[in-house]
Amino acid sequence: AAAERSASDHAAEVARTRQLETKLQAAEAKVAQLDSELVVQTGQAQVASVTAAELRRDVERQAKEFVLERRQLELDFNRSIQEETASRRRLQGRYRKRISRLTAALKDREAACSKLKAFMDSELRTLQDREHMHAAERRNWRQATAARDVARTTEERLLRAIGAA
């Protein structure tokens, strides 16, 4: 969401910069127009000096207005660039902090997973050892049972043989 906001803020600043550039171009075109009007008005001044003086004052006033407007546009443009730079730096700082926190959390989780895996491996070995021990005990029990059966059968045969004799 912060990245989307940053992208939209950046897009807004780019749009604003383009708008300021368009205004600047329009103002430059107006100056060119005023320059041509000045040439025309200067020609008319030879015919009527009173009209020329009025026109000159008007053109000078418009030129001053243009200079002031151009300065304001430049100030606005520079301020928007500074704001964009500051915004970008703030975002970079936030992202660096988040990345470092996430990296630390990832390392902690990796360590926990490693410990859990070691524990699980140990438990598996213990269970396998117990299984082998139980299997050996079952074999020993079967062998003992078989030996007992053989001894019982032998004892019964001997008792029958003694009883028959």
N, C-alpha and C. Protein backbone atom coordinates (compact mmCIF):
# COMPACT_ATOMS: atom_id res chain seq x y z
N ALA A 1 0.83 -1.19 0.00
CA ALA A 1 0.00 0.00 0.00
C ALA A 1 0.87 1.25 0.00
N ALA A 2 1.94 1.20 0.79
CA ALA A 2 2.85 2.36 0.83
C ALA A 2 3.52 2.54 -0.52
N ALA A 3 3.86 1.42 -1.19
CA ALA A 3 4.49 1.51 -2.50
C ALA A 3 3.51 2.09 -3.51
N GLU A 4 2.21 1.70 -3.39
CA GLU A 4 1.20 2.25 -4.29
C GLU A 4 1.04 3.75 -4.04
N ARG A 5 1.03 4.13 -2.75
CA ARG A 5 0.93 5.56 -2.43
C ARG A 5 2.12 6.31 -2.98
N SER A 6 3.30 5.72 -2.85
CA SER A 6 4.52 6.36 -3.35
C SER A 6 4.44 6.50 -4.87
N ALA A 7 3.96 5.44 -5.53
CA ALA A 7 3.83 5.49 -6.98
C ALA A 7 2.81 6.53 -7.39
N SER A 8 1.66 6.60 -6.67
CA SER A 8 0.65 7.60 -7.02
C SER A 8 1.15 9.00 -6.71
N ASP A 9 1.89 9.16 -5.60
CA ASP A 9 2.48 10.48 -5.27
C ASP A 9 3.46 10.88 -6.35
N HIS A 10 4.25 9.92 -6.78
CA HIS A 10 5.25 10.22 -7.82
C HIS A 10 4.53 10.60 -9.13
N ALA A 11 3.48 9.85 -9.47
CA ALA A 11 2.73 10.15 -10.69
C ALA A 11 2.10 11.55 -10.59
N ALA A 12 1.58 11.89 -9.40
CA ALA A 12 0.99 13.22 -9.21
C ALA A 12 2.04 14.30 -9.37
N GLU A 13 3.23 14.06 -8.83
CA GLU A 13 4.31 15.05 -8.95
C GLU A 13 4.74 15.20 -10.41
N VAL A 14 4.80 14.07 -11.14
CA VAL A 14 5.16 14.13 -12.56
C VAL A 14 4.11 14.92 -13.33
N ALA A 15 2.83 14.67 -13.02
CA ALA A 15 1.75 15.40 -13.69
C ALA A 15 1.83 16.88 -13.36
N ARG A 16 2.10 17.19 -12.11
CA ARG A 16 2.21 18.60 -11.70
C ARG A 16 3.39 19.26 -12.39
N THR A 17 4.50 18.53 -12.50
CA THR A 17 5.69 19.06 -13.18
C THR A 17 5.37 19.34 -14.64
N ARG A 18 4.68 18.42 -15.28
CA ARG A 18 4.30 18.63 -16.68
C ARG A 18 3.37 19.84 -16.82
N GLN A 19 2.46 19.97 -15.85
CA GLN A 19 1.54 21.10 -15.88
C GLN A 19 2.32 22.41 -15.75
N LEU A 20 3.29 22.42 -14.83
CA LEU A 20 4.11 23.62 -14.65
C LEU A 20 4.92 23.92 -15.92
N GLU A 21 5.44 22.86 -16.56
CA GLU A 21 6.20 23.05 -17.81
C GLU A 21 5.29 23.62 -18.90
N THR A 22 4.04 23.12 -18.93
CA THR A 22 3.08 23.62 -19.93
C THR A 22 2.80 25.10 -19.68
N LYS A 23 2.60 25.46 -18.40
CA LYS A 23 2.36 26.87 -18.07
C LYS A 23 3.56 27.72 -18.45
N LEU A 24 4.77 27.19 -18.22
CA LEU A 24 5.99 27.91 -18.55
C LEU A 24 6.07 28.14 -20.06
N GLN A 25 5.74 27.10 -20.84
CA GLN A 25 5.76 27.23 -22.30
C GLN A 25 4.72 28.26 -22.77
N ALA A 26 3.54 28.22 -22.11
CA ALA A 26 2.50 29.18 -22.47
C ALA A 26 2.97 30.60 -22.16
N ALA A 27 3.63 30.76 -21.04
CA ALA A 27 4.13 32.08 -20.66
C ALA A 27 5.20 32.55 -21.63
N GLU A 28 6.07 31.64 -22.07
CA GLU A 28 7.10 32.01 -23.05
C GLU A 28 6.47 32.40 -24.39
N ALA A 29 5.40 31.67 -24.76
CA ALA A 29 4.69 32.02 -25.99
C ALA A 29 4.06 33.40 -25.84
N LYS A 30 3.56 33.68 -24.64
CA LYS A 30 2.95 34.99 -24.39
C LYS A 30 4.01 36.10 -24.51
N VAL A 31 5.23 35.80 -24.02
CA VAL A 31 6.31 36.79 -24.14
C VAL A 31 6.63 37.04 -25.61
N ALA A 32 6.67 35.94 -26.39
CA ALA A 32 6.95 36.10 -27.81
C ALA A 32 5.85 36.94 -28.47
N GLN A 33 4.62 36.65 -28.06
CA GLN A 33 3.49 37.43 -28.58
C GLN A 33 3.62 38.89 -28.18
N LEU A 34 3.96 39.09 -26.91
CA LEU A 34 4.12 40.47 -26.42
C LEU A 34 5.26 41.18 -27.16
N ASP A 35 6.34 40.41 -27.43
CA ASP A 35 7.45 41.01 -28.19
C ASP A 35 6.99 41.45 -29.58
N SER A 36 6.21 40.58 -30.24
CA SER A 36 5.73 40.96 -31.57
C SER A 36 4.75 42.13 -31.49
N GLU A 37 3.93 42.10 -30.42
CA GLU A 37 3.02 43.23 -30.24
C GLU A 37 3.80 44.52 -29.99
N LEU A 38 4.89 44.39 -29.27
CA LEU A 38 5.73 45.56 -29.00
C LEU A 38 6.28 46.12 -30.30
N VAL A 39 6.70 45.22 -31.19
CA VAL A 39 7.22 45.69 -32.49
C VAL A 39 6.13 46.43 -33.24
N VAL A 40 4.93 45.83 -33.25
CA VAL A 40 3.81 46.47 -33.95
C VAL A 40 3.48 47.80 -33.30
N GLN A 41 3.44 47.77 -31.98
CA GLN A 41 3.08 48.99 -31.26
C GLN A 41 4.14 50.07 -31.41
N THR A 42 5.40 49.65 -31.54
CA THR A 42 6.47 50.64 -31.74
C THR A 42 6.30 51.32 -33.10
N GLY A 43 5.89 50.50 -34.09
CA GLY A 43 5.63 51.10 -35.41
C GLY A 43 4.50 52.10 -35.36
N GLN A 44 3.48 51.79 -34.59
CA GLN A 44 2.35 52.71 -34.47
C GLN A 44 2.74 53.95 -33.66
N ALA A 45 3.77 53.80 -32.82
CA ALA A 45 4.20 54.92 -31.98
C ALA A 45 4.75 56.05 -32.83
N GLN A 46 5.32 55.71 -33.97
CA GLN A 46 5.82 56.78 -34.85
C GLN A 46 4.65 57.61 -35.37
N VAL A 47 3.50 56.97 -35.52
CA VAL A 47 2.32 57.68 -36.01
C VAL A 47 1.71 58.50 -34.88
N ALA A 48 1.57 57.86 -33.72
CA ALA A 48 0.93 58.56 -32.61
C ALA A 48 1.74 58.34 -31.34
N SER A 49 2.48 59.34 -30.93
CA SER A 49 3.40 59.20 -29.79
C SER A 49 2.64 58.98 -28.48
N VAL A 50 1.46 59.52 -28.32
CA VAL A 50 0.69 59.33 -27.09
C VAL A 50 0.26 57.87 -26.98
N THR A 51 -0.23 57.31 -28.05
CA THR A 51 -0.66 55.91 -28.05
C THR A 51 0.53 55.01 -27.78
N ALA A 52 1.68 55.34 -28.35
CA ALA A 52 2.88 54.53 -28.16
C ALA A 52 3.32 54.52 -26.70
N ALA A 53 3.25 55.64 -26.04
CA ALA A 53 3.65 55.71 -24.64
C ALA A 53 2.73 54.84 -23.78
N GLU A 54 1.44 54.91 -24.07
CA GLU A 54 0.49 54.08 -23.32
C GLU A 54 0.74 52.61 -23.58
N LEU A 55 0.97 52.27 -24.84
CA LEU A 55 1.22 50.88 -25.19
C LEU A 55 2.52 50.38 -24.54
N ARG A 56 3.53 51.22 -24.55
CA ARG A 56 4.81 50.85 -23.94
C ARG A 56 4.63 50.56 -22.46
N ARG A 57 3.89 51.41 -21.77
CA ARG A 57 3.63 51.18 -20.35
C ARG A 57 2.86 49.87 -20.15
N ASP A 58 1.89 49.63 -21.03
CA ASP A 58 1.11 48.39 -20.94
C ASP A 58 2.00 47.17 -21.16
N VAL A 59 2.84 47.24 -22.18
CA VAL A 59 3.74 46.13 -22.48
C VAL A 59 4.73 45.93 -21.32
N GLU A 60 5.26 47.02 -20.79
CA GLU A 60 6.19 46.90 -19.67
C GLU A 60 5.51 46.29 -18.45
N ARG A 61 4.27 46.70 -18.23
CA ARG A 61 3.51 46.13 -17.11
C ARG A 61 3.30 44.63 -17.34
N GLN A 62 2.92 44.26 -18.55
CA GLN A 62 2.71 42.85 -18.87
C GLN A 62 4.03 42.07 -18.76
N ALA A 63 5.12 42.70 -19.18
CA ALA A 63 6.43 42.03 -19.09
C ALA A 63 6.80 41.80 -17.63
N LYS A 64 6.54 42.81 -16.79
CA LYS A 64 6.82 42.65 -15.36
C LYS A 64 5.95 41.53 -14.77
N GLU A 65 4.68 41.52 -15.17
CA GLU A 65 3.78 40.47 -14.69
C GLU A 65 4.30 39.10 -15.13
N PHE A 66 4.75 39.02 -16.38
CA PHE A 66 5.27 37.77 -16.88
C PHE A 66 6.51 37.33 -16.09
N VAL A 67 7.40 38.26 -15.84
CA VAL A 67 8.62 37.94 -15.08
C VAL A 67 8.23 37.42 -13.70
N LEU A 68 7.29 38.10 -13.06
CA LEU A 68 6.84 37.64 -11.73
C LEU A 68 6.20 36.25 -11.81
N GLU A 69 5.36 36.04 -12.83
CA GLU A 69 4.70 34.75 -13.00
C GLU A 69 5.72 33.65 -13.28
N ARG A 70 6.70 33.98 -14.11
CA ARG A 70 7.75 33.00 -14.43
C ARG A 70 8.56 32.64 -13.17
N ARG A 71 8.89 33.65 -12.38
CA ARG A 71 9.63 33.38 -11.13
C ARG A 71 8.82 32.49 -10.21
N GLN A 72 7.52 32.78 -10.11
CA GLN A 72 6.66 31.97 -9.26
C GLN A 72 6.60 30.52 -9.76
N LEU A 73 6.49 30.35 -11.09
CA LEU A 73 6.47 29.01 -11.66
C LEU A 73 7.78 28.27 -11.36
N GLU A 74 8.89 28.97 -11.48
CA GLU A 74 10.19 28.35 -11.19
C GLU A 74 10.28 27.96 -9.71
N LEU A 75 9.80 28.85 -8.83
CA LEU A 75 9.80 28.54 -7.40
C LEU A 75 8.91 27.32 -7.10
N ASP A 76 7.72 27.30 -7.71
CA ASP A 76 6.82 26.17 -7.52
C ASP A 76 7.45 24.87 -8.02
N PHE A 77 8.07 24.96 -9.19
CA PHE A 77 8.70 23.78 -9.77
C PHE A 77 9.82 23.28 -8.86
N ASN A 78 10.69 24.19 -8.40
CA ASN A 78 11.79 23.79 -7.52
C ASN A 78 11.27 23.21 -6.20
N ARG A 79 10.22 23.83 -5.65
CA ARG A 79 9.64 23.32 -4.41
C ARG A 79 9.07 21.91 -4.62
N SER A 80 8.40 21.68 -5.75
CA SER A 80 7.84 20.35 -5.99
C SER A 80 8.95 19.32 -6.15
N ILE A 81 10.06 19.70 -6.76
CA ILE A 81 11.20 18.78 -6.89
C ILE A 81 11.76 18.46 -5.50
N GLN A 82 11.90 19.47 -4.65
CA GLN A 82 12.42 19.25 -3.30
C GLN A 82 11.47 18.38 -2.48
N GLU A 83 10.16 18.62 -2.62
CA GLU A 83 9.19 17.81 -1.90
C GLU A 83 9.25 16.36 -2.35
N GLU A 84 9.37 16.15 -3.65
CA GLU A 84 9.46 14.79 -4.21
C GLU A 84 10.71 14.09 -3.69
N THR A 85 11.82 14.81 -3.66
CA THR A 85 13.08 14.23 -3.18
C THR A 85 12.95 13.86 -1.70
N ALA A 86 12.39 14.75 -0.91
CA ALA A 86 12.21 14.48 0.52
C ALA A 86 11.27 13.30 0.73
N SER A 87 10.20 13.25 -0.04
CA SER A 87 9.25 12.13 0.06
C SER A 87 9.93 10.82 -0.28
N ARG A 88 10.72 10.82 -1.33
CA ARG A 88 11.43 9.62 -1.75
C ARG A 88 12.41 9.17 -0.66
N ARG A 89 13.11 10.11 -0.04
CA ARG A 89 14.05 9.76 1.03
C ARG A 89 13.32 9.17 2.24
N ARG A 90 12.17 9.75 2.58
CA ARG A 90 11.40 9.20 3.70
C ARG A 90 10.97 7.77 3.41
N LEU A 91 10.47 7.56 2.20
CA LEU A 91 10.04 6.21 1.83
C LEU A 91 11.21 5.23 1.84
N GLN A 92 12.35 5.65 1.34
CA GLN A 92 13.53 4.78 1.34
C GLN A 92 13.91 4.42 2.76
N GLY A 93 13.86 5.39 3.67
CA GLY A 93 14.16 5.12 5.08
C GLY A 93 13.20 4.11 5.67
N ARG A 94 11.90 4.30 5.39
CA ARG A 94 10.90 3.36 5.91
C ARG A 94 11.13 1.96 5.37
N TYR A 95 11.40 1.87 4.05
CA TYR A 95 11.61 0.56 3.45
C TYR A 95 12.88 -0.09 3.98
N ARG A 96 13.91 0.68 4.21
CA ARG A 96 15.14 0.11 4.76
C ARG A 96 14.87 -0.48 6.14
N LYS A 97 14.10 0.26 6.98
CA LYS A 97 13.77 -0.24 8.31
C LYS A 97 12.95 -1.53 8.22
N ARG A 98 11.95 -1.53 7.33
CA ARG A 98 11.11 -2.71 7.18
C ARG A 98 11.93 -3.91 6.70
N ILE A 99 12.79 -3.66 5.73
CA ILE A 99 13.61 -4.75 5.20
C ILE A 99 14.52 -5.30 6.29
N SER A 100 15.11 -4.43 7.08
CA SER A 100 16.00 -4.92 8.14
C SER A 100 15.21 -5.70 9.19
N ARG A 101 14.00 -5.23 9.53
CA ARG A 101 13.17 -5.97 10.49
C ARG A 101 12.77 -7.34 9.93
N LEU A 102 12.36 -7.34 8.67
CA LEU A 102 11.95 -8.60 8.05
C LEU A 102 13.14 -9.56 7.92
N THR A 103 14.30 -9.02 7.62
CA THR A 103 15.50 -9.87 7.51
C THR A 103 15.83 -10.48 8.86
N ALA A 104 15.76 -9.69 9.92
CA ALA A 104 16.02 -10.20 11.28
C ALA A 104 14.99 -11.27 11.64
N ALA A 105 13.72 -11.02 11.34
CA ALA A 105 12.68 -12.01 11.64
C ALA A 105 12.91 -13.30 10.84
N LEU A 106 13.32 -13.15 9.60
CA LEU A 106 13.59 -14.32 8.77
C LEU A 106 14.76 -15.13 9.35
N LYS A 107 15.81 -14.45 9.78
CA LYS A 107 16.95 -15.15 10.38
C LYS A 107 16.52 -15.86 11.66
N ASP A 108 15.69 -15.20 12.48
CA ASP A 108 15.20 -15.83 13.71
C ASP A 108 14.39 -17.09 13.38
N ARG A 109 13.54 -16.99 12.38
CA ARG A 109 12.72 -18.14 11.99
C ARG A 109 13.58 -19.26 11.42
N GLU A 110 14.59 -18.89 10.64
CA GLU A 110 15.49 -19.90 10.09
C GLU A 110 16.22 -20.62 11.22
N ALA A 111 16.65 -19.87 12.24
CA ALA A 111 17.34 -20.49 13.38
C ALA A 111 16.38 -21.41 14.13
N ALA A 112 15.14 -20.96 14.33
CA ALA A 112 14.14 -21.78 15.02
C ALA A 112 13.85 -23.05 14.22
N CYS A 113 13.74 -22.92 12.91
CA CYS A 113 13.50 -24.09 12.05
C CYS A 113 14.67 -25.05 12.13
N SER A 114 15.88 -24.51 12.15
CA SER A 114 17.07 -25.35 12.24
C SER A 114 17.08 -26.12 13.55
N LYS A 115 16.75 -25.43 14.67
CA LYS A 115 16.69 -26.09 15.97
C LYS A 115 15.61 -27.17 15.98
N LEU A 116 14.44 -26.84 15.40
CA LEU A 116 13.35 -27.79 15.35
C LEU A 116 13.73 -29.02 14.53
N LYS A 117 14.41 -28.81 13.42
CA LYS A 117 14.85 -29.92 12.58
C LYS A 117 15.83 -30.80 13.34
N ALA A 118 16.77 -30.18 14.05
CA ALA A 118 17.74 -30.96 14.84
C ALA A 118 17.01 -31.77 15.90
N PHE A 119 16.02 -31.16 16.58
CA PHE A 119 15.24 -31.86 17.59
C PHE A 119 14.48 -33.03 16.97
N MET A 120 13.84 -32.78 15.82
CA MET A 120 13.06 -33.82 15.14
C MET A 120 13.97 -34.97 14.70
N ASP A 121 15.17 -34.63 14.19
CA ASP A 121 16.13 -35.68 13.80
C ASP A 121 16.53 -36.51 15.02
N SER A 122 16.78 -35.83 16.15
CA SER A 122 17.14 -36.53 17.38
C SER A 122 16.01 -37.46 17.83
N GLU A 123 14.78 -36.94 17.79
CA GLU A 123 13.62 -37.75 18.17
C GLU A 123 13.45 -38.94 17.23
N LEU A 124 13.68 -38.74 15.94
CA LEU A 124 13.57 -39.83 14.96
C LEU A 124 14.61 -40.91 15.26
N ARG A 125 15.84 -40.49 15.55
CA ARG A 125 16.88 -41.47 15.90
C ARG A 125 16.50 -42.24 17.17
N THR A 126 15.97 -41.53 18.16
CA THR A 126 15.54 -42.18 19.40
C THR A 126 14.44 -43.21 19.11
N LEU A 127 13.45 -42.82 18.29
CA LEU A 127 12.37 -43.75 17.94
C LEU A 127 12.90 -44.95 17.16
N GLN A 128 13.84 -44.70 16.25
CA GLN A 128 14.42 -45.81 15.49
C GLN A 128 15.20 -46.75 16.41
N ASP A 129 15.96 -46.17 17.35
CA ASP A 129 16.69 -47.00 18.31
C ASP A 129 15.72 -47.84 19.13
N ARG A 130 14.62 -47.26 19.59
CA ARG A 130 13.62 -47.99 20.36
C ARG A 130 13.00 -49.10 19.53
N GLU A 131 12.72 -48.79 18.25
CA GLU A 131 12.13 -49.79 17.36
C GLU A 131 13.08 -50.97 17.19
N HIS A 132 14.37 -50.67 17.01
CA HIS A 132 15.36 -51.75 16.89
C HIS A 132 15.42 -52.58 18.18
N MET A 133 15.38 -51.88 19.32
CA MET A 133 15.42 -52.56 20.61
C MET A 133 14.19 -53.45 20.79
N HIS A 134 13.00 -52.95 20.43
CA HIS A 134 11.77 -53.73 20.54
C HIS A 134 11.82 -54.93 19.60
N ALA A 135 12.36 -54.72 18.41
CA ALA A 135 12.47 -55.83 17.45
C ALA A 135 13.39 -56.90 18.02
N ALA A 136 14.51 -56.48 18.63
CA ALA A 136 15.43 -57.44 19.24
C ALA A 136 14.76 -58.16 20.40
N GLU A 137 14.00 -57.42 21.22
CA GLU A 137 13.28 -58.05 22.33
C GLU A 137 12.26 -59.06 21.82
N ARG A 138 11.55 -58.76 20.74
CA ARG A 138 10.58 -59.70 20.16
C ARG A 138 11.28 -60.96 19.66
N ARG A 139 12.43 -60.76 18.99
CA ARG A 139 13.20 -61.92 18.52
C ARG A 139 13.64 -62.78 19.71
N ASN A 140 14.18 -62.13 20.72
CA ASN A 140 14.62 -62.86 21.91
C ASN A 140 13.44 -63.59 22.57
N TRP A 141 12.27 -62.95 22.65
CA TRP A 141 11.10 -63.56 23.25
C TRP A 141 10.65 -64.79 22.44
N ARG A 142 10.66 -64.63 21.06
CA ARG A 142 10.28 -65.76 20.21
C ARG A 142 11.26 -66.91 20.39
N GLN A 143 12.56 -66.55 20.44
CA GLN A 143 13.57 -67.60 20.61
C GLN A 143 13.41 -68.27 21.97
N ALA A 144 13.16 -67.49 23.03
CA ALA A 144 12.98 -68.06 24.36
C ALA A 144 11.74 -68.94 24.40
N THR A 145 10.65 -68.49 23.74
CA THR A 145 9.41 -69.26 23.70
C THR A 145 9.64 -70.58 22.97
N ALA A 146 10.38 -70.49 21.84
CA ALA A 146 10.67 -71.70 21.07
C ALA A 146 11.54 -72.65 21.90
N ALA A 147 12.53 -72.11 22.62
CA ALA A 147 13.41 -72.94 23.45
C ALA A 147 12.59 -73.57 24.58
N ARG A 148 11.65 -72.82 25.19
CA ARG A 148 10.81 -73.34 26.26
C ARG A 148 9.92 -74.47 25.73
N ASP A 149 9.36 -74.26 24.52
CA ASP A 149 8.51 -75.29 23.92
C ASP A 149 9.32 -76.57 23.67
N VAL A 150 10.54 -76.39 23.15
CA VAL A 150 11.40 -77.56 22.88
C VAL A 150 11.74 -78.26 24.20
N ALA A 151 12.06 -77.48 25.24
CA ALA A 151 12.39 -78.08 26.54
C ALA A 151 11.18 -78.80 27.11
N ARG A 152 9.99 -78.23 27.00
CA ARG A 152 8.76 -78.83 27.50
C ARG A 152 8.48 -80.15 26.75
N THR A 153 8.63 -80.13 25.44
CA THR A 153 8.40 -81.33 24.63
C THR A 153 9.40 -82.42 25.01
N THR A 154 10.65 -81.99 25.17
CA THR A 154 11.70 -82.96 25.56
C THR A 154 11.39 -83.53 26.94
N GLU A 155 10.97 -82.68 27.87
CA GLU A 155 10.65 -83.12 29.22
C GLU A 155 9.48 -84.10 29.20
N GLU A 156 8.48 -83.80 28.39
CA GLU A 156 7.32 -84.69 28.30
C GLU A 156 7.73 -86.05 27.72
N ARG A 157 8.59 -86.09 26.74
CA ARG A 157 9.06 -87.33 26.14
C ARG A 157 9.84 -88.14 27.17
N LEU A 158 10.70 -87.40 27.91
CA LEU A 158 11.48 -88.11 28.93
C LEU A 158 10.55 -88.70 30.00
N LEU A 159 9.55 -87.94 30.44
CA LEU A 159 8.62 -88.44 31.45
C LEU A 159 7.84 -89.64 30.91
N ARG A 160 7.44 -89.59 29.66
CA ARG A 160 6.74 -90.73 29.05
C ARG A 160 7.66 -91.94 28.95
N ALA A 161 8.94 -91.64 28.59
CA ALA A 161 9.89 -92.74 28.45
C ALA A 161 10.17 -93.36 29.81
N ILE A 162 10.23 -92.53 30.87
CA ILE A 162 10.49 -93.03 32.22
C ILE A 162 9.25 -93.79 32.70
N GLY A 163 8.08 -93.25 32.40
CA GLY A 163 6.83 -93.88 32.81
C GLY A 163 6.63 -95.19 32.07
N ALA A 164 7.09 -95.33 30.89
CA ALA A 164 6.94 -96.55 30.11
C ALA A 164 7.96 -97.58 30.55
N ALA A 165 9.03 -97.19 31.12
CA ALA A 165 10.07 -98.13 31.52
C ALA A 165 9.77 -98.64 32.86
